[in-house]
Amino acid sequence: MSGPDPFRDHLSFFEELGVTGVSRDRQWRVRPSDAAAEAAPSGAAGRLEVLREELGPCTRCPLHSTRTNLVYGVGNPDADLMFVGEAPGRDEDAQGIPFVGRAGQLLTKIIEAIDLRRHDVYIANVIKCRPPKNRSPEPDEVATCEPFLFGQVDAIRPKVIVALGAFAVRTLLQSDEAISRLRGRVFDYRGAKLVPTFHPAYLLRSPDKKRDVWEDMKRVRALLREG
């Protein structure tokens, strides 16, 4: 009479859980992120590529049903300076690139004012899909999307992050304080220095605030030159 068969008992246990078979294919034994990391090039570009593959065509929240393009991020993977906005607008949704509309053109001028170019920095948003009618993102949408923003920050490892506008500032700092009270200060954030400032779209409506942003960007330039 044969004794207990541990392997057969093991299979029976998993059948009770709904597992209908096994495979010797290595991809079944490696998490997708690990497998992608092994195949991806090294460095920040590789880390961003892995993260983009994990994000995929993303249907994690209802915003995917109304977007035209997912807007991941653009720029230099090895950037010392990263800009984070709220969410894509109409132009960004159409092109799949962050900050390409009128606010984006102003952001380009802001970047050039501190002797950099767009290709020197990295630009992303908290939310990767355009909310309908440009409404503010809902808390569940932020909760779904923000891990990918955190992943971008950790992949790029910038020296300085500029949070553009009240929404991005509140999301990154987890603060309910008004941006008018937070700007002018520097915060430690995931190994970087975070500088809150007004969103370029707000500057288009309130050009008198451009001087405040210029003061913030001078602070950014000084931080970049440190060390």
C-alpha atoms as a PDB file:
ATOM      1  CA  MET A   1       0.000   0.000   0.000  1.00  0.00           C
ATOM      2  CA  SER A   2       1.523   3.320  -1.029  1.00  0.00           C
ATOM      3  CA  GLY A   3       1.940   6.142   1.467  1.00  0.00           C
ATOM      4  CA  PRO A   4       0.770   9.742   1.206  1.00  0.00           C
ATOM      5  CA  ASP A   5       1.812  11.635  -1.900  1.00  0.00           C
ATOM      6  CA  PRO A   6       2.743  15.207  -0.798  1.00  0.00           C
ATOM      7  CA  PHE A   7       2.786  16.511  -4.364  1.00  0.00           C
ATOM      8  CA  ARG A   8      -0.677  15.103  -5.135  1.00  0.00           C
ATOM      9  CA  ASP A   9      -1.984  16.499  -1.851  1.00  0.00           C
ATOM     10  CA  HIS A  10      -0.457  19.867  -2.744  1.00  0.00           C
ATOM     11  CA  LEU A  11      -2.223  19.865  -6.116  1.00  0.00           C
ATOM     12  CA  SER A  12      -5.503  18.871  -4.505  1.00  0.00           C
ATOM     13  CA  PHE A  13      -5.222  21.813  -2.140  1.00  0.00           C
ATOM     14  CA  PHE A  14      -4.749  24.267  -5.017  1.00  0.00           C
ATOM     15  CA  GLU A  15      -7.586  22.689  -6.991  1.00  0.00           C
ATOM     16  CA  GLU A  16      -9.836  23.541  -4.065  1.00  0.00           C
ATOM     17  CA  LEU A  17      -8.695  27.156  -4.483  1.00  0.00           C
ATOM     18  CA  GLY A  18      -9.656  27.106  -8.151  1.00  0.00           C
ATOM     19  CA  VAL A  19      -6.209  26.521  -9.683  1.00  0.00           C
ATOM     20  CA  THR A  20      -6.716  24.189 -12.645  1.00  0.00           C
ATOM     21  CA  GLY A  21      -3.135  23.468 -13.696  1.00  0.00           C
ATOM     22  CA  VAL A  22       0.531  24.219 -13.416  1.00  0.00           C
ATOM     23  CA  SER A  23       3.189  25.292 -15.863  1.00  0.00           C
ATOM     24  CA  ARG A  24       6.953  24.998 -16.005  1.00  0.00           C
ATOM     25  CA  ASP A  25       7.145  28.172 -18.099  1.00  0.00           C
ATOM     26  CA  ARG A  26       9.427  30.614 -16.262  1.00  0.00           C
ATOM     27  CA  GLN A  27       7.042  33.537 -16.745  1.00  0.00           C
ATOM     28  CA  TRP A  28       4.601  31.815 -14.376  1.00  0.00           C
ATOM     29  CA  ARG A  29       7.260  31.884 -11.638  1.00  0.00           C
ATOM     30  CA  VAL A  30       8.403  35.480 -12.108  1.00  0.00           C
ATOM     31  CA  ARG A  31       6.300  38.509 -11.356  1.00  0.00           C
ATOM     32  CA  PRO A  32       5.708  40.624 -14.480  1.00  0.00           C
ATOM     33  CA  SER A  33       7.582  43.563 -13.003  1.00  0.00           C
ATOM     34  CA  ASP A  34      10.598  41.380 -12.224  1.00  0.00           C
ATOM     35  CA  ALA A  35      10.622  39.822 -15.667  1.00  0.00           C
ATOM     36  CA  ALA A  36      10.382  43.238 -17.306  1.00  0.00           C
ATOM     37  CA  ALA A  37      13.134  44.604 -15.081  1.00  0.00           C
ATOM     38  CA  GLU A  38      15.467  41.806 -16.161  1.00  0.00           C
ATOM     39  CA  ALA A  39      14.859  42.569 -19.838  1.00  0.00           C
ATOM     40  CA  ALA A  40      14.899  46.373 -19.586  1.00  0.00           C
ATOM     41  CA  PRO A  41      18.017  48.502 -20.039  1.00  0.00           C
ATOM     42  CA  SER A  42      19.684  49.726 -16.868  1.00  0.00           C
ATOM     43  CA  GLY A  43      19.442  53.211 -15.428  1.00  0.00           C
ATOM     44  CA  ALA A  44      16.579  55.665 -15.176  1.00  0.00           C
ATOM     45  CA  ALA A  45      15.408  55.027 -18.739  1.00  0.00           C
ATOM     46  CA  GLY A  46      15.125  51.339 -17.979  1.00  0.00           C
ATOM     47  CA  ARG A  47      13.235  51.933 -14.745  1.00  0.00           C
ATOM     48  CA  LEU A  48      10.795  54.218 -16.547  1.00  0.00           C
ATOM     49  CA  GLU A  49      10.329  51.621 -19.277  1.00  0.00           C
ATOM     50  CA  VAL A  50       9.495  48.934 -16.722  1.00  0.00           C
ATOM     51  CA  LEU A  51       7.010  51.248 -15.030  1.00  0.00           C
ATOM     52  CA  ARG A  52       5.391  52.140 -18.361  1.00  0.00           C
ATOM     53  CA  GLU A  53       4.993  48.443 -19.152  1.00  0.00           C
ATOM     54  CA  GLU A  54       3.358  47.877 -15.764  1.00  0.00           C
ATOM     55  CA  LEU A  55       0.962  50.764 -16.429  1.00  0.00           C
ATOM     56  CA  GLY A  56       0.101  49.281 -19.831  1.00  0.00           C
ATOM     57  CA  PRO A  57      -3.049  50.532 -21.600  1.00  0.00           C
ATOM     58  CA  CYS A  58      -4.467  51.097 -18.084  1.00  0.00           C
ATOM     59  CA  THR A  59      -8.144  50.497 -17.430  1.00  0.00           C
ATOM     60  CA  ARG A  60      -7.792  50.765 -13.656  1.00  0.00           C
ATOM     61  CA  CYS A  61     -10.246  53.656 -13.247  1.00  0.00           C
ATOM     62  CA  PRO A  62     -13.207  55.023 -15.261  1.00  0.00           C
ATOM     63  CA  LEU A  63     -11.104  57.757 -16.882  1.00  0.00           C
ATOM     64  CA  HIS A  64      -9.820  55.279 -19.459  1.00  0.00           C
ATOM     65  CA  SER A  65     -13.260  55.185 -21.086  1.00  0.00           C
ATOM     66  CA  THR A  66     -13.236  58.882 -21.984  1.00  0.00           C
ATOM     67  CA  ARG A  67      -9.584  59.529 -22.810  1.00  0.00           C
ATOM     68  CA  THR A  68      -8.067  59.666 -26.284  1.00  0.00           C
ATOM     69  CA  ASN A  69      -4.486  58.981 -25.209  1.00  0.00           C
ATOM     70  CA  LEU A  70      -2.837  58.028 -21.969  1.00  0.00           C
ATOM     71  CA  VAL A  71      -0.320  60.765 -21.077  1.00  0.00           C
ATOM     72  CA  TYR A  72       2.593  59.117 -19.268  1.00  0.00           C
ATOM     73  CA  GLY A  73       5.408  61.669 -19.157  1.00  0.00           C
ATOM     74  CA  VAL A  74       8.130  63.086 -21.345  1.00  0.00           C
ATOM     75  CA  GLY A  75      11.672  64.361 -21.119  1.00  0.00           C
ATOM     76  CA  ASN A  76      15.107  63.420 -19.869  1.00  0.00           C
ATOM     77  CA  PRO A  77      15.085  60.245 -17.725  1.00  0.00           C
ATOM     78  CA  ASP A  78      18.248  61.473 -16.016  1.00  0.00           C
ATOM     79  CA  ALA A  79      16.877  64.950 -15.333  1.00  0.00           C
ATOM     80  CA  ASP A  80      17.855  66.823 -12.206  1.00  0.00           C
ATOM     81  CA  LEU A  81      14.606  68.785 -12.472  1.00  0.00           C
ATOM     82  CA  MET A  82      11.103  67.329 -12.693  1.00  0.00           C
ATOM     83  CA  PHE A  83       7.802  69.162 -13.111  1.00  0.00           C
ATOM     84  CA  VAL A  84       4.531  67.639 -11.893  1.00  0.00           C
ATOM     85  CA  GLY A  85       1.151  69.035 -12.922  1.00  0.00           C
ATOM     86  CA  GLU A  86      -2.425  67.996 -12.249  1.00  0.00           C
ATOM     87  CA  ALA A  87      -3.804  66.115 -15.264  1.00  0.00           C
ATOM     88  CA  PRO A  88      -3.792  66.251 -19.071  1.00  0.00           C
ATOM     89  CA  GLY A  89      -5.973  68.802 -20.820  1.00  0.00           C
ATOM     90  CA  ARG A  90      -7.540  68.651 -24.246  1.00  0.00           C
ATOM     91  CA  ASP A  91      -4.330  69.208 -26.216  1.00  0.00           C
ATOM     92  CA  GLU A  92      -2.404  66.757 -24.063  1.00  0.00           C
ATOM     93  CA  ASP A  93      -5.125  64.129 -24.417  1.00  0.00           C
ATOM     94  CA  ALA A  94      -5.028  64.550 -28.201  1.00  0.00           C
ATOM     95  CA  GLN A  95      -1.237  64.263 -28.481  1.00  0.00           C
ATOM     96  CA  GLY A  96      -0.385  61.988 -25.554  1.00  0.00           C
ATOM     97  CA  ILE A  97       2.250  64.478 -24.335  1.00  0.00           C
ATOM     98  CA  PRO A  98       2.028  66.590 -21.150  1.00  0.00           C
ATOM     99  CA  PHE A  99       1.962  70.388 -21.293  1.00  0.00           C
ATOM    100  CA  VAL A 100       1.660  71.048 -25.026  1.00  0.00           C
ATOM    101  CA  GLY A 101      -1.185  73.595 -24.999  1.00  0.00           C
ATOM    102  CA  ARG A 102      -1.009  77.287 -24.066  1.00  0.00           C
ATOM    103  CA  ALA A 103      -0.053  76.437 -20.482  1.00  0.00           C
ATOM    104  CA  GLY A 104       2.642  74.147 -21.838  1.00  0.00           C
ATOM    105  CA  GLN A 105       4.056  76.904 -24.022  1.00  0.00           C
ATOM    106  CA  LEU A 106       4.287  79.115 -20.948  1.00  0.00           C
ATOM    107  CA  LEU A 107       5.962  76.296 -19.014  1.00  0.00           C
ATOM    108  CA  THR A 108       8.563  76.069 -21.781  1.00  0.00           C
ATOM    109  CA  LYS A 109       9.312  79.780 -21.320  1.00  0.00           C
ATOM    110  CA  ILE A 110       9.581  79.282 -17.548  1.00  0.00           C
ATOM    111  CA  ILE A 111      12.081  76.458 -18.068  1.00  0.00           C
ATOM    112  CA  GLU A 112      14.111  78.525 -20.515  1.00  0.00           C
ATOM    113  CA  ALA A 113      14.170  81.415 -18.029  1.00  0.00           C
ATOM    114  CA  ILE A 114      16.482  79.348 -15.802  1.00  0.00           C
ATOM    115  CA  ASP A 115      18.739  78.456 -18.739  1.00  0.00           C
ATOM    116  CA  LEU A 116      17.323  74.984 -19.419  1.00  0.00           C
ATOM    117  CA  ARG A 117      15.335  73.442 -22.256  1.00  0.00           C
ATOM    118  CA  ARG A 118      12.360  71.109 -22.196  1.00  0.00           C
ATOM    119  CA  HIS A 119      14.541  68.182 -23.208  1.00  0.00           C
ATOM    120  CA  ASP A 120      16.700  68.812 -20.112  1.00  0.00           C
ATOM    121  CA  VAL A 121      13.839  68.205 -17.663  1.00  0.00           C
ATOM    122  CA  TYR A 122      11.138  65.596 -17.103  1.00  0.00           C
ATOM    123  CA  ILE A 123       7.448  66.543 -17.144  1.00  0.00           C
ATOM    124  CA  ALA A 124       4.556  64.469 -15.820  1.00  0.00           C
ATOM    125  CA  ASN A 125       1.153  64.766 -14.176  1.00  0.00           C
ATOM    126  CA  VAL A 126      -0.440  63.245 -11.110  1.00  0.00           C
ATOM    127  CA  ILE A 127      -3.191  61.811 -13.322  1.00  0.00           C
ATOM    128  CA  LYS A 128      -2.322  60.140 -16.630  1.00  0.00           C
ATOM    129  CA  CYS A 129      -5.755  60.484 -18.297  1.00  0.00           C
ATOM    130  CA  ARG A 130      -7.798  63.601 -18.968  1.00  0.00           C
ATOM    131  CA  PRO A 131     -10.808  63.993 -16.664  1.00  0.00           C
ATOM    132  CA  PRO A 132     -14.019  64.791 -18.588  1.00  0.00           C
ATOM    133  CA  LYS A 133     -14.470  68.522 -19.216  1.00  0.00           C
ATOM    134  CA  ASN A 134     -11.189  69.141 -17.386  1.00  0.00           C
ATOM    135  CA  ARG A 135     -12.821  68.610 -13.998  1.00  0.00           C
ATOM    136  CA  SER A 136     -10.598  68.005 -10.973  1.00  0.00           C
ATOM    137  CA  PRO A 137      -9.593  64.360 -10.485  1.00  0.00           C
ATOM    138  CA  GLU A 138     -11.586  62.392  -7.929  1.00  0.00           C
ATOM    139  CA  PRO A 139      -9.857  60.935  -4.838  1.00  0.00           C
ATOM    140  CA  ASP A 140     -10.191  57.355  -6.099  1.00  0.00           C
ATOM    141  CA  GLU A 141      -8.638  58.364  -9.432  1.00  0.00           C
ATOM    142  CA  VAL A 142      -5.708  59.917  -7.603  1.00  0.00           C
ATOM    143  CA  ALA A 143      -5.297  56.853  -5.390  1.00  0.00           C
ATOM    144  CA  THR A 144      -5.230  54.639  -8.483  1.00  0.00           C
ATOM    145  CA  CYS A 145      -2.785  56.766 -10.462  1.00  0.00           C
ATOM    146  CA  GLU A 146      -0.399  58.254  -7.926  1.00  0.00           C
ATOM    147  CA  PRO A 147       1.699  55.072  -7.405  1.00  0.00           C
ATOM    148  CA  PHE A 148       2.848  55.457 -11.009  1.00  0.00           C
ATOM    149  CA  LEU A 149       3.825  59.076 -10.365  1.00  0.00           C
ATOM    150  CA  PHE A 150       5.751  57.968  -7.286  1.00  0.00           C
ATOM    151  CA  GLY A 151       7.390  55.322  -9.465  1.00  0.00           C
ATOM    152  CA  GLN A 152       8.427  57.978 -11.984  1.00  0.00           C
ATOM    153  CA  VAL A 153       9.956  60.093  -9.225  1.00  0.00           C
ATOM    154  CA  ASP A 154      11.833  57.097  -7.839  1.00  0.00           C
ATOM    155  CA  ALA A 155      13.025  56.076 -11.306  1.00  0.00           C
ATOM    156  CA  ILE A 156      14.304  59.521 -12.288  1.00  0.00           C
ATOM    157  CA  ARG A 157      15.611  60.509  -8.855  1.00  0.00           C
ATOM    158  CA  PRO A 158      15.622  64.249  -9.587  1.00  0.00           C
ATOM    159  CA  LYS A 159      17.348  66.769  -7.356  1.00  0.00           C
ATOM    160  CA  VAL A 160      14.371  69.135  -7.513  1.00  0.00           C
ATOM    161  CA  ILE A 161      10.655  68.655  -8.154  1.00  0.00           C
ATOM    162  CA  VAL A 162       8.442  71.610  -9.031  1.00  0.00           C
ATOM    163  CA  ALA A 163       4.801  70.960  -8.109  1.00  0.00           C
ATOM    164  CA  LEU A 164       2.647  73.010 -10.473  1.00  0.00           C
ATOM    165  CA  GLY A 165      -0.616  74.217  -9.006  1.00  0.00           C
ATOM    166  CA  ALA A 166      -2.720  73.592  -5.942  1.00  0.00           C
ATOM    167  CA  PHE A 167      -3.822  70.092  -6.899  1.00  0.00           C
ATOM    168  CA  ALA A 168      -0.325  68.734  -7.510  1.00  0.00           C
ATOM    169  CA  VAL A 169       0.967  70.434  -4.374  1.00  0.00           C
ATOM    170  CA  ARG A 170      -1.802  68.992  -2.198  1.00  0.00           C
ATOM    171  CA  THR A 171      -1.350  65.525  -3.671  1.00  0.00           C
ATOM    172  CA  LEU A 172       2.414  65.400  -3.286  1.00  0.00           C
ATOM    173  CA  LEU A 173       2.593  67.039   0.136  1.00  0.00           C
ATOM    174  CA  GLN A 174      -0.659  65.562   1.470  1.00  0.00           C
ATOM    175  CA  SER A 175      -1.511  69.039   2.759  1.00  0.00           C
ATOM    176  CA  ASP A 176      -4.728  71.027   2.829  1.00  0.00           C
ATOM    177  CA  GLU A 177      -2.886  74.345   3.112  1.00  0.00           C
ATOM    178  CA  ALA A 178      -3.442  76.875   0.362  1.00  0.00           C
ATOM    179  CA  ILE A 179      -0.744  77.023  -2.276  1.00  0.00           C
ATOM    180  CA  SER A 180      -0.330  80.724  -1.517  1.00  0.00           C
ATOM    181  CA  ARG A 181       0.924  79.668   1.929  1.00  0.00           C
ATOM    182  CA  LEU A 182       3.029  76.740   0.747  1.00  0.00           C
ATOM    183  CA  ARG A 183       4.862  78.423  -2.117  1.00  0.00           C
ATOM    184  CA  GLY A 184       8.047  80.196  -1.164  1.00  0.00           C
ATOM    185  CA  ARG A 185       9.104  77.179   0.879  1.00  0.00           C
ATOM    186  CA  VAL A 186      11.168  74.074   0.077  1.00  0.00           C
ATOM    187  CA  PHE A 187      10.137  70.592   1.208  1.00  0.00           C
ATOM    188  CA  ASP A 188      11.978  67.281   1.355  1.00  0.00           C
ATOM    189  CA  TYR A 189      10.230  64.754  -0.856  1.00  0.00           C
ATOM    190  CA  ARG A 190      11.340  61.214  -1.780  1.00  0.00           C
ATOM    191  CA  GLY A 191      15.005  62.200  -1.838  1.00  0.00           C
ATOM    192  CA  ALA A 192      14.395  65.461  -3.733  1.00  0.00           C
ATOM    193  CA  LYS A 193      13.687  69.072  -2.854  1.00  0.00           C
ATOM    194  CA  LEU A 194      10.104  69.998  -3.699  1.00  0.00           C
ATOM    195  CA  VAL A 195       9.206  73.566  -4.649  1.00  0.00           C
ATOM    196  CA  PRO A 196       5.493  74.442  -4.899  1.00  0.00           C
ATOM    197  CA  THR A 197       4.474  77.108  -7.386  1.00  0.00           C
ATOM    198  CA  PHE A 198       1.479  78.263  -9.400  1.00  0.00           C
ATOM    199  CA  HIS A 199       0.292  76.318 -12.432  1.00  0.00           C
ATOM    200  CA  PRO A 200       1.023  77.928 -15.821  1.00  0.00           C
ATOM    201  CA  ALA A 201      -2.706  77.815 -16.644  1.00  0.00           C
ATOM    202  CA  TYR A 202      -3.342  79.945 -13.560  1.00  0.00           C
ATOM    203  CA  LEU A 203      -0.708  82.415 -14.729  1.00  0.00           C
ATOM    204  CA  LEU A 204      -2.573  82.825 -18.009  1.00  0.00           C
ATOM    205  CA  ARG A 205      -5.566  84.018 -15.982  1.00  0.00           C
ATOM    206  CA  SER A 206      -3.548  85.893 -13.352  1.00  0.00           C
ATOM    207  CA  PRO A 207      -0.416  87.284 -15.012  1.00  0.00           C
ATOM    208  CA  ASP A 208       0.314  89.351 -11.900  1.00  0.00           C
ATOM    209  CA  LYS A 209       1.480  86.093 -10.238  1.00  0.00           C
ATOM    210  CA  LYS A 210       4.308  85.596 -12.737  1.00  0.00           C
ATOM    211  CA  ARG A 211       6.703  87.453 -10.454  1.00  0.00           C
ATOM    212  CA  ASP A 212       5.973  84.945  -7.666  1.00  0.00           C
ATOM    213  CA  VAL A 213       6.741  82.078 -10.020  1.00  0.00           C
ATOM    214  CA  TRP A 214       9.956  83.761 -11.111  1.00  0.00           C
ATOM    215  CA  GLU A 215      11.034  83.948  -7.452  1.00  0.00           C
ATOM    216  CA  ASP A 216      10.228  80.253  -7.080  1.00  0.00           C
ATOM    217  CA  MET A 217      12.216  79.381 -10.185  1.00  0.00           C
ATOM    218  CA  LYS A 218      15.227  81.347  -8.986  1.00  0.00           C
ATOM    219  CA  ARG A 219      15.066  79.191  -5.865  1.00  0.00           C
ATOM    220  CA  VAL A 220      14.903  76.098  -8.094  1.00  0.00           C
ATOM    221  CA  ARG A 221      17.962  77.255 -10.036  1.00  0.00           C
ATOM    222  CA  ALA A 222      19.880  77.780  -6.808  1.00  0.00           C
ATOM    223  CA  LEU A 223      18.953  74.316  -5.560  1.00  0.00           C
ATOM    224  CA  LEU A 224      20.095  72.753  -8.816  1.00  0.00           C
ATOM    225  CA  ARG A 225      23.448  74.480  -8.518  1.00  0.00           C
ATOM    226  CA  GLU A 226      24.028  73.255  -4.963  1.00  0.00           C
ATOM    227  CA  GLY A 227      26.367  70.315  -4.735  1.00  0.00           C
END
